[in-house]
Protein backbone atom coordinates (compact mmCIF):
# COMPACT_ATOMS: atom_id res chain seq x y z
CA MET A 1 85.32 90.08 215.84
CA ILE A 2 87.61 92.53 214.64
CA LYS A 3 89.34 93.09 217.78
CA VAL A 4 89.87 89.23 217.98
CA PHE A 5 91.64 89.78 214.40
CA SER A 6 93.66 93.13 215.31
CA VAL A 7 94.89 91.09 218.58
CA ALA A 8 95.66 87.83 216.58
CA LEU A 9 97.67 89.84 213.72
CA GLY A 10 99.69 92.15 215.81
CA ALA A 11 100.22 88.88 218.16
CA ALA A 12 101.47 87.28 215.32
CA LEU A 13 103.76 89.96 214.30
CA GLY A 14 105.02 90.70 217.72
CA VAL A 15 106.26 86.83 218.18
CA LEU A 16 107.73 86.80 215.01
CA GLY A 17 109.98 90.12 215.95
CA ARG A 18 111.31 88.81 218.75
CA TYR A 19 112.02 85.56 217.29
CA GLN A 20 114.22 87.09 214.35
CA ILE A 21 115.67 89.97 216.59
CA THR A 22 117.01 87.33 219.25
CA ASN A 23 118.22 84.95 216.65
CA THR A 24 119.79 87.74 214.67
CA MET A 25 121.65 88.59 217.89
CA LYS A 26 122.97 85.25 218.71
CA LYS A 27 124.33 84.80 215.56
CA LYS A 28 126.35 87.70 215.57
CA TRP A 29 127.39 87.36 219.36
CA LEU A 30 127.94 83.84 219.58
CA ASN A 31 129.68 83.94 223.47
CA MET A 32 127.36 86.52 224.86
CA ILE A 33 127.14 85.65 228.58
CA TYR A 34 124.22 88.42 229.73
CA PRO A 35 120.94 87.73 228.06
CA TRP A 36 121.26 91.33 225.32
CA PRO A 37 118.41 90.59 223.35
CA THR A 38 115.86 89.90 225.90
CA PHE A 39 117.16 92.61 227.65
CA LEU A 40 116.71 95.14 224.58
CA ILE A 41 113.66 93.61 223.35
CA ASN A 42 111.96 93.78 226.91
CA PHE A 43 113.20 97.60 227.28
CA CYS A 44 111.95 98.35 223.57
CA GLY A 45 108.52 96.38 224.56
CA CYS A 46 108.29 98.96 227.51
CA PHE A 47 109.00 101.90 225.78
CA LEU A 48 106.55 100.99 222.71
CA LEU A 49 103.84 100.08 224.98
CA GLY A 50 104.20 103.17 227.06
CA LEU A 51 104.11 105.24 223.58
CA PHE A 52 101.41 103.20 222.48
CA TYR A 53 99.21 103.60 226.24
CA SER A 54 100.20 107.69 225.76
CA LEU A 55 98.63 107.87 222.65
CA ASN A 56 94.94 108.51 221.70
CA LEU A 57 94.77 105.39 219.36
CA SER A 58 91.14 104.10 218.33
CA GLU A 59 90.49 100.96 220.56
CA ASN A 60 91.18 98.48 217.48
CA ILE A 61 94.73 99.89 216.51
CA TYR A 62 95.29 100.11 220.37
CA LEU A 63 94.44 96.37 220.66
CA PHE A 64 96.72 95.15 217.53
CA LEU A 65 99.44 97.43 219.06
CA SER A 66 99.39 96.27 222.77
CA MET A 67 96.99 93.26 223.65
CA GLY A 68 98.87 91.74 219.92
CA PHE A 69 102.28 93.06 219.25
CA THR A 70 103.83 94.53 222.35
CA ALA A 71 102.32 91.40 224.48
CA THR A 72 104.09 88.95 222.34
CA PHE A 73 106.89 90.60 221.84
CA THR A 74 107.64 91.00 225.65
CA THR A 75 105.26 90.28 228.63
CA PHE A 76 107.52 92.61 230.69
CA SER A 77 106.15 95.50 229.20
CA THR A 78 102.77 94.53 230.10
CA PHE A 79 104.02 93.96 233.61
CA ASN A 80 105.32 97.28 233.73
CA LEU A 81 102.76 99.36 232.24
CA GLU A 82 100.89 97.94 235.04
CA ASN A 83 102.57 99.53 237.54
CA VAL A 84 102.84 102.65 235.98
CA GLU A 85 98.96 102.29 236.14
CA LEU A 86 99.12 101.42 240.19
CA LEU A 87 101.52 104.41 240.81
CA LYS A 88 99.35 106.68 238.66
CA SER A 89 96.30 105.81 240.36
CA HIS A 90 98.48 106.11 243.89
CA GLN A 91 98.03 102.62 244.52
CA TYR A 92 101.61 102.31 246.06
CA ARG A 93 101.00 99.66 248.33
CA GLN A 94 99.77 97.35 245.46
CA PHE A 95 102.57 98.93 243.25
CA LEU A 96 105.06 97.43 245.54
CA LYS A 97 103.00 94.01 246.52
CA TYR A 98 102.67 93.51 242.63
CA ILE A 99 106.27 94.03 241.92
CA PHE A 100 107.66 91.92 245.01
CA THR A 101 105.53 89.26 244.13
CA THR A 102 105.59 88.97 240.70
CA TYR A 103 109.53 89.15 240.74
CA LEU A 104 109.70 86.30 243.88
CA LEU A 105 107.25 84.37 242.67
CA GLY A 106 108.20 84.49 239.09
CA PHE A 107 112.10 83.40 240.27
CA LEU A 108 110.88 80.70 242.36
CA GLY A 109 108.48 79.38 239.64
CA ILE A 110 111.80 79.45 237.10
CA TYR A 111 114.15 77.92 239.90
CA SER A 112 111.55 75.09 240.86
CA GLY A 113 110.74 74.20 237.36
CA PHE A 114 114.75 74.09 236.43
CA MET A 115 115.39 71.81 239.74
CA LEU A 116 112.63 69.50 238.77
CA GLY A 117 113.87 69.27 235.19
CA SER A 118 117.65 68.96 236.26
CA PHE A 119 116.17 65.78 239.09
CA LEU A 120 113.98 64.24 235.97
CA TYR A 121 117.09 64.40 233.52
CA ARG A 122 119.44 62.92 236.19
CA SER A 123 117.12 60.36 237.05
């Protein structure tokens, strides 16, 4: 049960951190075009997850930091960690397939949802 609470507490802190950073940056830079908050959060999340992954942490601490905090702070970091794991295990074909399909299907999902929403909104 402690594992579940570790993940839940980390998740709550991760999502609150993302929310606070995003809102603070958007208030400071009202006219920003590039999504800097998400870009910086994803970069920091990747860095942190890589750091946590490389340390010899206890299972509960690792779950708190990785599956909890980092996963809700950003999912991009988890995606990139999985790519590192594929490269580390010499799964080059799977690595390329994972990157290609994730970005392609992610883009198509967003685009399809956007188009559907735009269509329904106009109707």
